[in-house]
Amino acid sequence: MGAQVENGCKVIVIDPSLSNTAARADMWLAPRAGTDGDLFGAMLRYILENDNPNDPKKKYIAWEMKSMSPGGRVHGRL
């Protein structure tokens, strides 16, 4: 939470219970039991649809790292 004060960043907490961190966050998301997969899918979809390698503020995927994984290709992307 120190970064929130120092850098003025927004803090979003995803936790089913209201923790101390969630209470001080800008936004608290309390997913229902069994909806973890839905939340992950929504976040993944947003990342894949909004990734822009030419804009540093919207570059969510470091495709260069794929070449470091076994069998990874950079130019073919997935």
C-alpha atoms as a PDB file:
ATOM      1  CA  MET A   1       0.000   0.000   0.000  1.00  0.00           C
ATOM      2  CA  GLY A   2       3.053   2.242   0.264  1.00  0.00           C
ATOM      3  CA  ALA A   3       3.211   2.505  -3.531  1.00  0.00           C
ATOM      4  CA  GLN A   4      -0.325   3.861  -3.525  1.00  0.00           C
ATOM      5  CA  VAL A   5       0.758   6.817  -1.402  1.00  0.00           C
ATOM      6  CA  GLU A   6       4.189   7.330  -2.981  1.00  0.00           C
ATOM      7  CA  ASN A   7       3.190   7.007  -6.630  1.00  0.00           C
ATOM      8  CA  GLY A   8      -0.488   7.851  -6.551  1.00  0.00           C
ATOM      9  CA  CYS A   9      -1.379   4.525  -8.164  1.00  0.00           C
ATOM     10  CA  LYS A  10      -4.774   2.865  -7.988  1.00  0.00           C
ATOM     11  CA  VAL A  11      -5.020  -0.329  -5.945  1.00  0.00           C
ATOM     12  CA  ILE A  12      -7.582  -2.992  -6.798  1.00  0.00           C
ATOM     13  CA  VAL A  13      -7.912  -5.964  -4.446  1.00  0.00           C
ATOM     14  CA  ILE A  14      -9.569  -9.226  -5.468  1.00  0.00           C
ATOM     15  CA  ASP A  15     -10.335 -11.125  -2.282  1.00  0.00           C
ATOM     16  CA  PRO A  16     -13.519 -12.855  -1.128  1.00  0.00           C
ATOM     17  CA  SER A  17     -13.154 -11.427   2.365  1.00  0.00           C
ATOM     18  CA  LEU A  18     -12.755  -7.817   3.413  1.00  0.00           C
ATOM     19  CA  SER A  19      -9.142  -7.738   4.527  1.00  0.00           C
ATOM     20  CA  ASN A  20      -7.165  -4.764   5.837  1.00  0.00           C
ATOM     21  CA  THR A  21      -5.668  -4.291   2.385  1.00  0.00           C
ATOM     22  CA  ALA A  22      -9.083  -4.469   0.710  1.00  0.00           C
ATOM     23  CA  ALA A  23     -10.465  -1.890   3.121  1.00  0.00           C
ATOM     24  CA  ARG A  24      -7.767   0.614   2.073  1.00  0.00           C
ATOM     25  CA  ALA A  25      -7.923  -0.159  -1.648  1.00  0.00           C
ATOM     26  CA  ASP A  26      -9.513   2.055  -4.277  1.00  0.00           C
ATOM     27  CA  MET A  27     -11.631  -0.872  -5.415  1.00  0.00           C
ATOM     28  CA  TRP A  28     -12.453  -4.182  -3.775  1.00  0.00           C
ATOM     29  CA  LEU A  29     -13.785  -7.072  -5.827  1.00  0.00           C
ATOM     30  CA  ALA A  30     -15.266  -9.951  -3.833  1.00  0.00           C
ATOM     31  CA  PRO A  31     -15.761 -12.851  -6.234  1.00  0.00           C
ATOM     32  CA  ARG A  32     -18.261 -15.530  -5.292  1.00  0.00           C
ATOM     33  CA  ALA A  33     -17.064 -19.057  -4.683  1.00  0.00           C
ATOM     34  CA  GLY A  34     -16.528 -20.942  -7.924  1.00  0.00           C
ATOM     35  CA  THR A  35     -16.189 -17.870 -10.139  1.00  0.00           C
ATOM     36  CA  ASP A  36     -12.381 -17.748 -10.168  1.00  0.00           C
ATOM     37  CA  GLY A  37     -12.262 -19.169 -13.684  1.00  0.00           C
ATOM     38  CA  ASP A  38     -14.706 -16.567 -14.983  1.00  0.00           C
ATOM     39  CA  LEU A  39     -12.666 -13.754 -13.474  1.00  0.00           C
ATOM     40  CA  PHE A  40      -9.459 -15.168 -14.957  1.00  0.00           C
ATOM     41  CA  GLY A  41     -11.106 -15.529 -18.367  1.00  0.00           C
ATOM     42  CA  ALA A  42     -12.342 -11.935 -18.321  1.00  0.00           C
ATOM     43  CA  MET A  43      -8.920 -10.604 -17.340  1.00  0.00           C
ATOM     44  CA  LEU A  44      -7.180 -12.716 -20.002  1.00  0.00           C
ATOM     45  CA  ARG A  45      -9.617 -11.559 -22.669  1.00  0.00           C
ATOM     46  CA  TYR A  46      -9.027  -7.899 -21.758  1.00  0.00           C
ATOM     47  CA  ILE A  47      -5.260  -8.365 -21.895  1.00  0.00           C
ATOM     48  CA  LEU A  48      -5.318 -10.145 -25.260  1.00  0.00           C
ATOM     49  CA  GLU A  49      -7.768  -7.713 -26.869  1.00  0.00           C
ATOM     50  CA  ASN A  50      -6.079  -4.535 -25.608  1.00  0.00           C
ATOM     51  CA  ASP A  51      -2.391  -5.417 -25.925  1.00  0.00           C
ATOM     52  CA  ASN A  52      -0.584  -2.773 -27.981  1.00  0.00           C
ATOM     53  CA  PRO A  53       3.181  -3.380 -28.330  1.00  0.00           C
ATOM     54  CA  ASN A  54       3.663   0.141 -29.739  1.00  0.00           C
ATOM     55  CA  ASP A  55       2.190   1.908 -26.694  1.00  0.00           C
ATOM     56  CA  PRO A  56       4.207   1.467 -23.469  1.00  0.00           C
ATOM     57  CA  LYS A  57       1.106   2.148 -21.356  1.00  0.00           C
ATOM     58  CA  LYS A  58      -0.825  -0.644 -23.090  1.00  0.00           C
ATOM     59  CA  LYS A  59       1.884  -3.235 -23.639  1.00  0.00           C
ATOM     60  CA  TYR A  60       0.615  -6.074 -21.470  1.00  0.00           C
ATOM     61  CA  ILE A  61       2.457  -8.984 -23.111  1.00  0.00           C
ATOM     62  CA  ALA A  62       6.231  -9.263 -23.486  1.00  0.00           C
ATOM     63  CA  TRP A  63       6.289 -11.436 -26.602  1.00  0.00           C
ATOM     64  CA  GLU A  64      10.109 -11.501 -26.451  1.00  0.00           C
ATOM     65  CA  MET A  65       9.864 -13.821 -23.429  1.00  0.00           C
ATOM     66  CA  LYS A  66       8.150 -16.483 -25.546  1.00  0.00           C
ATOM     67  CA  SER A  67      11.467 -17.220 -27.279  1.00  0.00           C
ATOM     68  CA  MET A  68      12.890 -18.230 -23.885  1.00  0.00           C
ATOM     69  CA  SER A  69      10.295 -20.947 -23.348  1.00  0.00           C
ATOM     70  CA  PRO A  70      10.797 -24.441 -24.773  1.00  0.00           C
ATOM     71  CA  GLY A  71       9.388 -24.521 -28.296  1.00  0.00           C
ATOM     72  CA  GLY A  72       8.521 -20.813 -28.240  1.00  0.00           C
ATOM     73  CA  ARG A  73       8.388 -18.689 -31.371  1.00  0.00           C
ATOM     74  CA  VAL A  74       8.395 -14.911 -31.407  1.00  0.00           C
ATOM     75  CA  HIS A  75       7.400 -14.224 -34.996  1.00  0.00           C
ATOM     76  CA  GLY A  76       4.596 -16.801 -35.158  1.00  0.00           C
ATOM     77  CA  ARG A  77       2.998 -15.613 -31.894  1.00  0.00           C
ATOM     78  CA  LEU A  78       1.219 -18.504 -30.276  1.00  0.00           C
END
